[in-house]
């Protein structure tokens, strides 16, 4: 296994196509295919599923992906070290879209002001995927959501969740949002709309709403790409939406809806207990200082 093979693997994984990866790397497609096949032979594993010209990672490929990224990053650091150049510290932070929109801007501004030498790489995602990325080492830390009083919520992300360090930073009021003239809601059977509008399946807010609905309302879930799109569906009378109050307060038409509270949800900053770098601890300190009410370390 050599660095060029890892770079080819990463290009194919990101592009989802041998042809596009070859164009990006200025290589012949046949060369890219040969190198991928050789890498699979060395690893004794099938790293990609081939569906025509489409290349998608297999479970083994997904596992190898995080190692390939780390190996190429280490190689880059080694090259800089040999040249006497100190690499810039990088913090890889994952966050839910809701937190990025309603909570993070002042935190990031304060962190950058206090730590101008640390580069911050931000990744958006849902709780389940962000947790897996922290456990695999693709992210240094992530802001994720768990219902209050349910410590086992993250267990679906993998058997190693006990290795996580967590700090509670925010408390969110989770809401069902309905059109303005919808009758008040007490139980799922009171919903008079054809669907639930929510984000991707790994979203904690969606999972809580779907669980509540299953108690008496068999509504299909319509997957949306943003909270603006969810609220548009609600205002149009096409769906009941789910979102935290902090996000609803930022959106247009927020006064033109009927709400039902689903309960309180904690936002946690998670990281691996054994890999808490100086940039991570600096960010956690800023995060905790910014939290309201003051956070409690676990």
C-alpha atoms as a PDB file:
ATOM      1  CA  UNK A   1       0.000   0.000   0.000  1.00  0.00           C
ATOM      2  CA  UNK A   2       1.426   3.406  -0.989  1.00  0.00           C
ATOM      3  CA  UNK A   3       0.252   6.983  -0.664  1.00  0.00           C
ATOM      4  CA  UNK A   4      -0.731   7.304  -4.322  1.00  0.00           C
ATOM      5  CA  UNK A   5      -3.032   4.282  -3.951  1.00  0.00           C
ATOM      6  CA  UNK A   6      -4.649   5.902  -0.914  1.00  0.00           C
ATOM      7  CA  UNK A   7      -5.122   9.159  -2.820  1.00  0.00           C
ATOM      8  CA  UNK A   8      -6.741   7.255  -5.702  1.00  0.00           C
ATOM      9  CA  UNK A   9      -9.010   5.400  -3.266  1.00  0.00           C
ATOM     10  CA  UNK A  10     -10.097   8.677  -1.618  1.00  0.00           C
ATOM     11  CA  UNK A  11     -10.751  10.333  -4.989  1.00  0.00           C
ATOM     12  CA  UNK A  12     -12.973   7.452  -6.153  1.00  0.00           C
ATOM     13  CA  UNK A  13     -14.797   7.419  -2.802  1.00  0.00           C
ATOM     14  CA  UNK A  14     -15.475  11.166  -2.991  1.00  0.00           C
ATOM     15  CA  UNK A  15     -16.365  11.271  -6.701  1.00  0.00           C
ATOM     16  CA  UNK A  16     -18.314   7.998  -6.806  1.00  0.00           C
ATOM     17  CA  UNK A  17     -16.887   7.377 -10.265  1.00  0.00           C
ATOM     18  CA  UNK A  18     -13.643   6.071 -11.741  1.00  0.00           C
ATOM     19  CA  UNK A  19     -13.977   8.462 -14.684  1.00  0.00           C
ATOM     20  CA  UNK A  20     -14.403  11.573 -12.530  1.00  0.00           C
ATOM     21  CA  UNK A  21     -11.645  10.484 -10.170  1.00  0.00           C
ATOM     22  CA  UNK A  22      -9.298   9.900 -13.111  1.00  0.00           C
ATOM     23  CA  UNK A  23     -10.081  13.358 -14.499  1.00  0.00           C
ATOM     24  CA  UNK A  24      -9.445  14.937 -11.083  1.00  0.00           C
ATOM     25  CA  UNK A  25      -6.109  13.116 -10.685  1.00  0.00           C
ATOM     26  CA  UNK A  26      -5.035  13.543 -14.334  1.00  0.00           C
ATOM     27  CA  UNK A  27      -4.787   9.777 -14.753  1.00  0.00           C
ATOM     28  CA  UNK A  28      -6.194   7.302 -17.249  1.00  0.00           C
ATOM     29  CA  UNK A  29      -9.394   5.576 -16.018  1.00  0.00           C
ATOM     30  CA  UNK A  30      -7.786   2.194 -16.663  1.00  0.00           C
ATOM     31  CA  UNK A  31      -4.915   3.149 -14.347  1.00  0.00           C
ATOM     32  CA  UNK A  32      -7.348   4.156 -11.588  1.00  0.00           C
ATOM     33  CA  UNK A  33      -9.254   0.879 -11.968  1.00  0.00           C
ATOM     34  CA  UNK A  34      -6.032  -1.158 -11.848  1.00  0.00           C
ATOM     35  CA  UNK A  35      -4.808   0.646  -8.724  1.00  0.00           C
ATOM     36  CA  UNK A  36      -8.133   0.144  -6.932  1.00  0.00           C
ATOM     37  CA  UNK A  37      -8.112  -3.556  -7.802  1.00  0.00           C
ATOM     38  CA  UNK A  38      -4.512  -3.854  -6.571  1.00  0.00           C
ATOM     39  CA  UNK A  39      -5.430  -2.103  -3.305  1.00  0.00           C
ATOM     40  CA  UNK A  40      -8.371  -4.449  -2.791  1.00  0.00           C
ATOM     41  CA  UNK A  41      -6.019  -7.354  -3.351  1.00  0.00           C
ATOM     42  CA  UNK A  42      -3.563  -6.041  -0.776  1.00  0.00           C
ATOM     43  CA  UNK A  43      -6.343  -5.467   1.754  1.00  0.00           C
ATOM     44  CA  UNK A  44      -8.038  -8.783   0.883  1.00  0.00           C
ATOM     45  CA  UNK A  45     -11.374  -6.965   0.834  1.00  0.00           C
ATOM     46  CA  UNK A  46     -13.838  -5.538  -1.681  1.00  0.00           C
ATOM     47  CA  UNK A  47     -13.811  -1.794  -1.048  1.00  0.00           C
ATOM     48  CA  UNK A  48     -16.335  -0.665  -3.685  1.00  0.00           C
ATOM     49  CA  UNK A  49     -19.643  -1.898  -5.041  1.00  0.00           C
ATOM     50  CA  UNK A  50     -19.822  -1.517  -8.818  1.00  0.00           C
ATOM     51  CA  UNK A  51     -23.194  -0.545 -10.273  1.00  0.00           C
ATOM     52  CA  UNK A  52     -22.451   0.293 -13.874  1.00  0.00           C
ATOM     53  CA  UNK A  53     -20.202   3.336 -13.705  1.00  0.00           C
ATOM     54  CA  UNK A  54     -21.280   4.156 -10.171  1.00  0.00           C
ATOM     55  CA  UNK A  55     -18.822   3.284  -7.380  1.00  0.00           C
ATOM     56  CA  UNK A  56     -20.107   3.131  -3.810  1.00  0.00           C
ATOM     57  CA  UNK A  57     -18.215   2.098  -0.704  1.00  0.00           C
ATOM     58  CA  UNK A  58     -18.913  -1.317   0.797  1.00  0.00           C
ATOM     59  CA  UNK A  59     -19.024  -1.658   4.613  1.00  0.00           C
ATOM     60  CA  UNK A  60     -15.346  -2.664   4.421  1.00  0.00           C
ATOM     61  CA  UNK A  61     -14.668   0.386   2.272  1.00  0.00           C
ATOM     62  CA  UNK A  62     -16.403   2.645   4.793  1.00  0.00           C
ATOM     63  CA  UNK A  63     -14.180   1.228   7.541  1.00  0.00           C
ATOM     64  CA  UNK A  64     -11.041   1.708   5.434  1.00  0.00           C
ATOM     65  CA  UNK A  65     -12.053   5.279   4.514  1.00  0.00           C
ATOM     66  CA  UNK A  66     -11.285   6.763   7.934  1.00  0.00           C
ATOM     67  CA  UNK A  67      -7.884   5.035   8.040  1.00  0.00           C
ATOM     68  CA  UNK A  68      -7.031   6.259   4.533  1.00  0.00           C
ATOM     69  CA  UNK A  69      -7.835   9.838   5.521  1.00  0.00           C
ATOM     70  CA  UNK A  70      -5.736   9.616   8.649  1.00  0.00           C
ATOM     71  CA  UNK A  71      -2.783   8.011   6.842  1.00  0.00           C
ATOM     72  CA  UNK A  72      -2.705  10.696   4.133  1.00  0.00           C
ATOM     73  CA  UNK A  73      -3.014  13.433   6.769  1.00  0.00           C
ATOM     74  CA  UNK A  74      -0.102  11.956   8.725  1.00  0.00           C
ATOM     75  CA  UNK A  75       1.965  11.770   5.545  1.00  0.00           C
ATOM     76  CA  UNK A  76       1.317  15.460   4.933  1.00  0.00           C
ATOM     77  CA  UNK A  77       2.358  16.300   8.486  1.00  0.00           C
ATOM     78  CA  UNK A  78       5.533  14.245   8.083  1.00  0.00           C
ATOM     79  CA  UNK A  79       6.483  16.144   4.924  1.00  0.00           C
ATOM     80  CA  UNK A  80       6.006  19.466   6.698  1.00  0.00           C
ATOM     81  CA  UNK A  81       8.017  18.265   9.696  1.00  0.00           C
ATOM     82  CA  UNK A  82      10.940  17.264   7.475  1.00  0.00           C
ATOM     83  CA  UNK A  83      10.909  20.739   5.987  1.00  0.00           C
ATOM     84  CA  UNK A  84      10.949  22.296   9.432  1.00  0.00           C
ATOM     85  CA  UNK A  85       7.404  23.610   9.065  1.00  0.00           C
ATOM     86  CA  UNK A  86       5.066  23.155  12.001  1.00  0.00           C
ATOM     87  CA  UNK A  87       1.636  22.041  10.730  1.00  0.00           C
ATOM     88  CA  UNK A  88      -1.303  24.216  11.781  1.00  0.00           C
ATOM     89  CA  UNK A  89      -3.441  22.519  14.444  1.00  0.00           C
ATOM     90  CA  UNK A  90      -6.838  21.499  13.060  1.00  0.00           C
ATOM     91  CA  UNK A  91     -10.050  20.821  14.961  1.00  0.00           C
ATOM     92  CA  UNK A  92     -12.574  18.692  13.050  1.00  0.00           C
ATOM     93  CA  UNK A  93     -15.965  19.621  14.487  1.00  0.00           C
ATOM     94  CA  UNK A  94     -19.253  17.977  13.552  1.00  0.00           C
ATOM     95  CA  UNK A  95     -22.592  19.628  14.273  1.00  0.00           C
ATOM     96  CA  UNK A  96     -26.288  19.318  13.627  1.00  0.00           C
ATOM     97  CA  UNK A  97     -27.731  21.878  11.224  1.00  0.00           C
ATOM     98  CA  UNK A  98     -29.997  23.291  13.940  1.00  0.00           C
ATOM     99  CA  UNK A  99     -27.083  23.949  16.310  1.00  0.00           C
ATOM    100  CA  UNK A 100     -24.965  25.437  13.533  1.00  0.00           C
ATOM    101  CA  UNK A 101     -27.726  27.905  12.723  1.00  0.00           C
ATOM    102  CA  UNK A 102     -29.019  28.915  16.144  1.00  0.00           C
ATOM    103  CA  UNK A 103     -26.143  28.422  18.585  1.00  0.00           C
ATOM    104  CA  UNK A 104     -22.701  28.243  16.977  1.00  0.00           C
ATOM    105  CA  UNK A 105     -22.011  31.619  15.292  1.00  0.00           C
ATOM    106  CA  UNK A 106     -21.031  33.528  18.470  1.00  0.00           C
ATOM    107  CA  UNK A 107     -19.175  30.480  19.824  1.00  0.00           C
ATOM    108  CA  UNK A 108     -17.097  30.106  16.656  1.00  0.00           C
ATOM    109  CA  UNK A 109     -16.354  33.826  16.584  1.00  0.00           C
ATOM    110  CA  UNK A 110     -15.098  33.728  20.181  1.00  0.00           C
ATOM    111  CA  UNK A 111     -13.063  30.565  19.572  1.00  0.00           C
ATOM    112  CA  UNK A 112     -11.391  32.034  16.481  1.00  0.00           C
ATOM    113  CA  UNK A 113     -10.608  35.235  18.373  1.00  0.00           C
ATOM    114  CA  UNK A 114      -8.997  33.332  21.259  1.00  0.00           C
ATOM    115  CA  UNK A 115      -7.300  30.641  19.123  1.00  0.00           C
ATOM    116  CA  UNK A 116      -6.282  32.228  15.795  1.00  0.00           C
ATOM    117  CA  UNK A 117      -3.651  29.513  15.234  1.00  0.00           C
ATOM    118  CA  UNK A 118      -6.194  26.660  15.177  1.00  0.00           C
ATOM    119  CA  UNK A 119      -7.941  25.844  11.897  1.00  0.00           C
ATOM    120  CA  UNK A 120     -11.559  24.755  12.338  1.00  0.00           C
ATOM    121  CA  UNK A 121     -13.100  22.267   9.891  1.00  0.00           C
ATOM    122  CA  UNK A 122     -16.889  22.135  10.210  1.00  0.00           C
ATOM    123  CA  UNK A 123     -19.027  19.158   9.113  1.00  0.00           C
ATOM    124  CA  UNK A 124     -22.849  19.126   9.180  1.00  0.00           C
ATOM    125  CA  UNK A 125     -24.731  15.916   9.873  1.00  0.00           C
ATOM    126  CA  UNK A 126     -27.301  14.067  11.954  1.00  0.00           C
ATOM    127  CA  UNK A 127     -26.667  12.724  15.458  1.00  0.00           C
ATOM    128  CA  UNK A 128     -26.232   9.074  14.479  1.00  0.00           C
ATOM    129  CA  UNK A 129     -23.752   9.758  11.662  1.00  0.00           C
ATOM    130  CA  UNK A 130     -21.827  12.351  13.686  1.00  0.00           C
ATOM    131  CA  UNK A 131     -21.450   9.937  16.600  1.00  0.00           C
ATOM    132  CA  UNK A 132     -20.115   7.222  14.303  1.00  0.00           C
ATOM    133  CA  UNK A 133     -17.656   9.710  12.786  1.00  0.00           C
ATOM    134  CA  UNK A 134     -16.296  10.625  16.234  1.00  0.00           C
ATOM    135  CA  UNK A 135     -15.935   6.953  17.176  1.00  0.00           C
ATOM    136  CA  UNK A 136     -14.106   6.157  13.913  1.00  0.00           C
ATOM    137  CA  UNK A 137     -11.741   9.111  14.293  1.00  0.00           C
ATOM    138  CA  UNK A 138     -13.030  11.075  11.290  1.00  0.00           C
ATOM    139  CA  UNK A 139     -14.108  13.879  13.646  1.00  0.00           C
ATOM    140  CA  UNK A 140     -12.438  15.144  16.813  1.00  0.00           C
ATOM    141  CA  UNK A 141     -15.735  16.114  18.401  1.00  0.00           C
ATOM    142  CA  UNK A 142     -19.381  16.681  17.544  1.00  0.00           C
ATOM    143  CA  UNK A 143     -22.505  18.399  18.819  1.00  0.00           C
ATOM    144  CA  UNK A 144     -25.312  15.846  18.964  1.00  0.00           C
ATOM    145  CA  UNK A 145     -28.787  15.542  20.517  1.00  0.00           C
ATOM    146  CA  UNK A 146     -30.191  13.072  23.064  1.00  0.00           C
ATOM    147  CA  UNK A 147     -33.568  13.092  24.844  1.00  0.00           C
ATOM    148  CA  UNK A 148     -33.311  13.987  28.501  1.00  0.00           C
ATOM    149  CA  UNK A 149     -33.411  10.953  30.777  1.00  0.00           C
ATOM    150  CA  UNK A 150     -32.420   8.439  28.085  1.00  0.00           C
ATOM    151  CA  UNK A 151     -28.695   7.701  28.579  1.00  0.00           C
ATOM    152  CA  UNK A 152     -28.785   4.733  26.208  1.00  0.00           C
ATOM    153  CA  UNK A 153     -29.945   6.798  23.223  1.00  0.00           C
ATOM    154  CA  UNK A 154     -26.570   6.645  21.445  1.00  0.00           C
ATOM    155  CA  UNK A 155     -26.206   2.867  21.678  1.00  0.00           C
ATOM    156  CA  UNK A 156     -27.376   2.454  18.059  1.00  0.00           C
ATOM    157  CA  UNK A 157     -24.221   4.251  16.886  1.00  0.00           C
ATOM    158  CA  UNK A 158     -22.013   1.308  17.877  1.00  0.00           C
ATOM    159  CA  UNK A 159     -20.690  -0.770  20.755  1.00  0.00           C
ATOM    160  CA  UNK A 160     -17.956   1.739  21.652  1.00  0.00           C
ATOM    161  CA  UNK A 161     -20.172   4.622  22.784  1.00  0.00           C
ATOM    162  CA  UNK A 162     -18.960   3.997  26.341  1.00  0.00           C
ATOM    163  CA  UNK A 163     -15.588   5.330  25.203  1.00  0.00           C
ATOM    164  CA  UNK A 164     -17.079   8.771  24.613  1.00  0.00           C
ATOM    165  CA  UNK A 165     -16.589  11.809  26.804  1.00  0.00           C
ATOM    166  CA  UNK A 166     -19.599  14.138  26.793  1.00  0.00           C
ATOM    167  CA  UNK A 167     -20.398  17.617  28.016  1.00  0.00           C
ATOM    168  CA  UNK A 168     -23.945  18.953  28.133  1.00  0.00           C
ATOM    169  CA  UNK A 169     -23.981  22.380  26.515  1.00  0.00           C
ATOM    170  CA  UNK A 170     -27.579  23.265  25.565  1.00  0.00           C
ATOM    171  CA  UNK A 171     -31.154  22.330  26.364  1.00  0.00           C
ATOM    172  CA  UNK A 172     -33.590  22.443  23.451  1.00  0.00           C
ATOM    173  CA  UNK A 173     -37.388  22.585  23.604  1.00  0.00           C
ATOM    174  CA  UNK A 174     -38.512  20.185  20.862  1.00  0.00           C
ATOM    175  CA  UNK A 175     -41.730  21.112  19.055  1.00  0.00           C
ATOM    176  CA  UNK A 176     -44.256  19.724  16.632  1.00  0.00           C
ATOM    177  CA  UNK A 177     -45.209  22.605  14.342  1.00  0.00           C
ATOM    178  CA  UNK A 178     -48.594  22.765  12.591  1.00  0.00           C
ATOM    179  CA  UNK A 179     -50.484  25.245  10.381  1.00  0.00           C
ATOM    180  CA  UNK A 180     -51.998  28.258  12.162  1.00  0.00           C
ATOM    181  CA  UNK A 181     -55.607  27.040  12.212  1.00  0.00           C
ATOM    182  CA  UNK A 182     -54.878  23.472  13.280  1.00  0.00           C
ATOM    183  CA  UNK A 183     -56.706  22.465  16.458  1.00  0.00           C
ATOM    184  CA  UNK A 184     -54.652  22.026  19.609  1.00  0.00           C
ATOM    185  CA  UNK A 185     -52.923  18.665  19.957  1.00  0.00           C
ATOM    186  CA  UNK A 186     -52.653  16.465  23.056  1.00  0.00           C
ATOM    187  CA  UNK A 187     -52.233  12.976  21.575  1.00  0.00           C
ATOM    188  CA  UNK A 188     -51.092  11.694  18.144  1.00  0.00           C
ATOM    189  CA  UNK A 189     -54.679  11.033  17.081  1.00  0.00           C
ATOM    190  CA  UNK A 190     -55.301  14.796  17.178  1.00  0.00           C
ATOM    191  CA  UNK A 191     -52.991  15.370  14.172  1.00  0.00           C
ATOM    192  CA  UNK A 192     -55.068  16.267  11.090  1.00  0.00           C
ATOM    193  CA  UNK A 193     -52.269  16.352   8.516  1.00  0.00           C
ATOM    194  CA  UNK A 194     -51.122  13.736   5.959  1.00  0.00           C
ATOM    195  CA  UNK A 195     -47.413  13.484   6.827  1.00  0.00           C
ATOM    196  CA  UNK A 196     -44.529  14.347   9.156  1.00  0.00           C
ATOM    197  CA  UNK A 197     -41.860  16.635   7.645  1.00  0.00           C
ATOM    198  CA  UNK A 198     -38.395  16.078   9.140  1.00  0.00           C
ATOM    199  CA  UNK A 199     -34.687  15.871   8.338  1.00  0.00           C
ATOM    200  CA  UNK A 200     -32.691  12.688   7.591  1.00  0.00           C
ATOM    201  CA  UNK A 201     -33.298   9.368   9.433  1.00  0.00           C
ATOM    202  CA  UNK A 202     -30.283   9.768  11.761  1.00  0.00           C
ATOM    203  CA  UNK A 203     -31.740  12.989  13.214  1.00  0.00           C
ATOM    204  CA  UNK A 204     -32.653  12.667  16.898  1.00  0.00           C
ATOM    205  CA  UNK A 205     -35.491  15.183  16.543  1.00  0.00           C
ATOM    206  CA  UNK A 206     -37.046  13.121  13.741  1.00  0.00           C
ATOM    207  CA  UNK A 207     -36.690   9.900  15.738  1.00  0.00           C
ATOM    208  CA  UNK A 208     -38.388  11.413  18.789  1.00  0.00           C
ATOM    209  CA  UNK A 209     -41.283  12.716  16.665  1.00  0.00           C
ATOM    210  CA  UNK A 210     -41.688   9.379  14.858  1.00  0.00           C
ATOM    211  CA  UNK A 211     -41.723   7.525  18.173  1.00  0.00           C
ATOM    212  CA  UNK A 212     -44.428   9.864  19.513  1.00  0.00           C
ATOM    213  CA  UNK A 213     -46.460   9.452  16.328  1.00  0.00           C
ATOM    214  CA  UNK A 214     -46.339   5.647  16.514  1.00  0.00           C
ATOM    215  CA  UNK A 215     -48.383   5.818  19.711  1.00  0.00           C
ATOM    216  CA  UNK A 216     -51.489   6.589  17.657  1.00  0.00           C
ATOM    217  CA  UNK A 217     -50.889   8.337  14.318  1.00  0.00           C
ATOM    218  CA  UNK A 218     -49.549   6.278  11.421  1.00  0.00           C
ATOM    219  CA  UNK A 219     -48.141   9.163   9.382  1.00  0.00           C
ATOM    220  CA  UNK A 220     -45.452   8.708   6.708  1.00  0.00           C
ATOM    221  CA  UNK A 221     -42.316  10.821   7.077  1.00  0.00           C
ATOM    222  CA  UNK A 222     -41.402  13.212   4.272  1.00  0.00           C
ATOM    223  CA  UNK A 223     -37.662  13.846   4.323  1.00  0.00           C
ATOM    224  CA  UNK A 224     -36.682  17.495   3.851  1.00  0.00           C
ATOM    225  CA  UNK A 225     -33.263  19.064   3.384  1.00  0.00           C
ATOM    226  CA  UNK A 226     -33.666  22.105   5.669  1.00  0.00           C
ATOM    227  CA  UNK A 227     -35.808  23.618   8.397  1.00  0.00           C
ATOM    228  CA  UNK A 228     -36.949  26.316   5.962  1.00  0.00           C
ATOM    229  CA  UNK A 229     -38.353  23.555   3.750  1.00  0.00           C
ATOM    230  CA  UNK A 230     -40.041  21.892   6.732  1.00  0.00           C
ATOM    231  CA  UNK A 231     -41.762  25.124   7.736  1.00  0.00           C
ATOM    232  CA  UNK A 232     -42.853  25.758   4.130  1.00  0.00           C
ATOM    233  CA  UNK A 233     -44.571  22.351   4.107  1.00  0.00           C
ATOM    234  CA  UNK A 234     -46.270  23.193   7.399  1.00  0.00           C
ATOM    235  CA  UNK A 235     -47.523  26.606   6.265  1.00  0.00           C
ATOM    236  CA  UNK A 236     -48.844  25.020   3.067  1.00  0.00           C
ATOM    237  CA  UNK A 237     -50.847  22.551   5.142  1.00  0.00           C
ATOM    238  CA  UNK A 238     -49.006  19.541   3.760  1.00  0.00           C
ATOM    239  CA  UNK A 239     -47.397  18.225   6.938  1.00  0.00           C
ATOM    240  CA  UNK A 240     -46.670  18.556  10.629  1.00  0.00           C
ATOM    241  CA  UNK A 241     -43.041  19.514  11.179  1.00  0.00           C
ATOM    242  CA  UNK A 242     -40.534  18.864  13.950  1.00  0.00           C
ATOM    243  CA  UNK A 243     -37.821  21.297  15.071  1.00  0.00           C
ATOM    244  CA  UNK A 244     -36.356  22.883  18.229  1.00  0.00           C
ATOM    245  CA  UNK A 245     -37.839  26.161  19.425  1.00  0.00           C
ATOM    246  CA  UNK A 246     -34.467  27.920  18.982  1.00  0.00           C
ATOM    247  CA  UNK A 247     -34.645  27.229  15.231  1.00  0.00           C
ATOM    248  CA  UNK A 248     -38.352  28.085  14.882  1.00  0.00           C
ATOM    249  CA  UNK A 249     -37.726  31.476  16.510  1.00  0.00           C
ATOM    250  CA  UNK A 250     -35.233  32.302  13.716  1.00  0.00           C
ATOM    251  CA  UNK A 251     -37.492  31.387  10.794  1.00  0.00           C
ATOM    252  CA  UNK A 252     -40.020  33.533   8.897  1.00  0.00           C
ATOM    253  CA  UNK A 253     -43.689  32.847   9.684  1.00  0.00           C
ATOM    254  CA  UNK A 254     -42.720  31.582  13.160  1.00  0.00           C
ATOM    255  CA  UNK A 255     -45.707  33.363  14.681  1.00  0.00           C
ATOM    256  CA  UNK A 256     -48.112  31.799  12.175  1.00  0.00           C
ATOM    257  CA  UNK A 257     -47.992  28.224  13.466  1.00  0.00           C
ATOM    258  CA  UNK A 258     -49.549  26.073  16.173  1.00  0.00           C
ATOM    259  CA  UNK A 259     -47.123  24.096  18.320  1.00  0.00           C
ATOM    260  CA  UNK A 260     -47.106  21.036  20.554  1.00  0.00           C
ATOM    261  CA  UNK A 261     -44.157  20.403  22.890  1.00  0.00           C
ATOM    262  CA  UNK A 262     -42.528  16.975  22.650  1.00  0.00           C
ATOM    263  CA  UNK A 263     -40.111  17.502  25.547  1.00  0.00           C
ATOM    264  CA  UNK A 264     -36.595  18.638  26.338  1.00  0.00           C
ATOM    265  CA  UNK A 265     -33.565  17.449  24.398  1.00  0.00           C
ATOM    266  CA  UNK A 266     -29.943  17.891  25.466  1.00  0.00           C
ATOM    267  CA  UNK A 267     -27.215  18.989  23.070  1.00  0.00           C
ATOM    268  CA  UNK A 268     -23.959  17.232  23.987  1.00  0.00           C
ATOM    269  CA  UNK A 269     -20.407  17.899  22.868  1.00  0.00           C
ATOM    270  CA  UNK A 270     -18.916  14.420  22.455  1.00  0.00           C
ATOM    271  CA  UNK A 271     -15.320  13.294  21.895  1.00  0.00           C
ATOM    272  CA  UNK A 272     -13.197  10.175  22.472  1.00  0.00           C
ATOM    273  CA  UNK A 273     -11.935   9.961  26.054  1.00  0.00           C
ATOM    274  CA  UNK A 274      -8.441   8.866  25.046  1.00  0.00           C
ATOM    275  CA  UNK A 275      -7.931  11.407  22.241  1.00  0.00           C
ATOM    276  CA  UNK A 276      -8.656  14.838  23.650  1.00  0.00           C
ATOM    277  CA  UNK A 277      -6.238  17.167  21.859  1.00  0.00           C
ATOM    278  CA  UNK A 278      -5.318  20.675  22.973  1.00  0.00           C
ATOM    279  CA  UNK A 279      -7.478  22.266  20.204  1.00  0.00           C
ATOM    280  CA  UNK A 280     -10.420  20.130  21.320  1.00  0.00           C
ATOM    281  CA  UNK A 281     -10.059  21.127  24.961  1.00  0.00           C
ATOM    282  CA  UNK A 282      -9.739  24.786  23.969  1.00  0.00           C
ATOM    283  CA  UNK A 283     -12.980  24.561  21.982  1.00  0.00           C
ATOM    284  CA  UNK A 284     -14.775  22.722  24.775  1.00  0.00           C
ATOM    285  CA  UNK A 285     -13.786  25.461  27.221  1.00  0.00           C
ATOM    286  CA  UNK A 286     -15.210  28.165  24.937  1.00  0.00           C
ATOM    287  CA  UNK A 287     -18.331  26.058  24.357  1.00  0.00           C
ATOM    288  CA  UNK A 288     -18.974  25.565  28.066  1.00  0.00           C
ATOM    289  CA  UNK A 289     -18.371  29.231  28.838  1.00  0.00           C
ATOM    290  CA  UNK A 290     -20.935  30.133  26.177  1.00  0.00           C
ATOM    291  CA  UNK A 291     -23.569  27.623  27.289  1.00  0.00           C
ATOM    292  CA  UNK A 292     -26.662  28.841  29.086  1.00  0.00           C
ATOM    293  CA  UNK A 293     -27.451  27.408  31.576  1.00  0.00           C
ATOM    294  CA  UNK A 294     -23.905  26.434  32.619  1.00  0.00           C
ATOM    295  CA  UNK A 295     -23.064  22.974  31.361  1.00  0.00           C
ATOM    296  CA  UNK A 296     -22.208  20.004  33.546  1.00  0.00           C
ATOM    297  CA  UNK A 297     -19.318  17.758  32.579  1.00  0.00           C
ATOM    298  CA  UNK A 298     -19.890  14.020  32.672  1.00  0.00           C
END
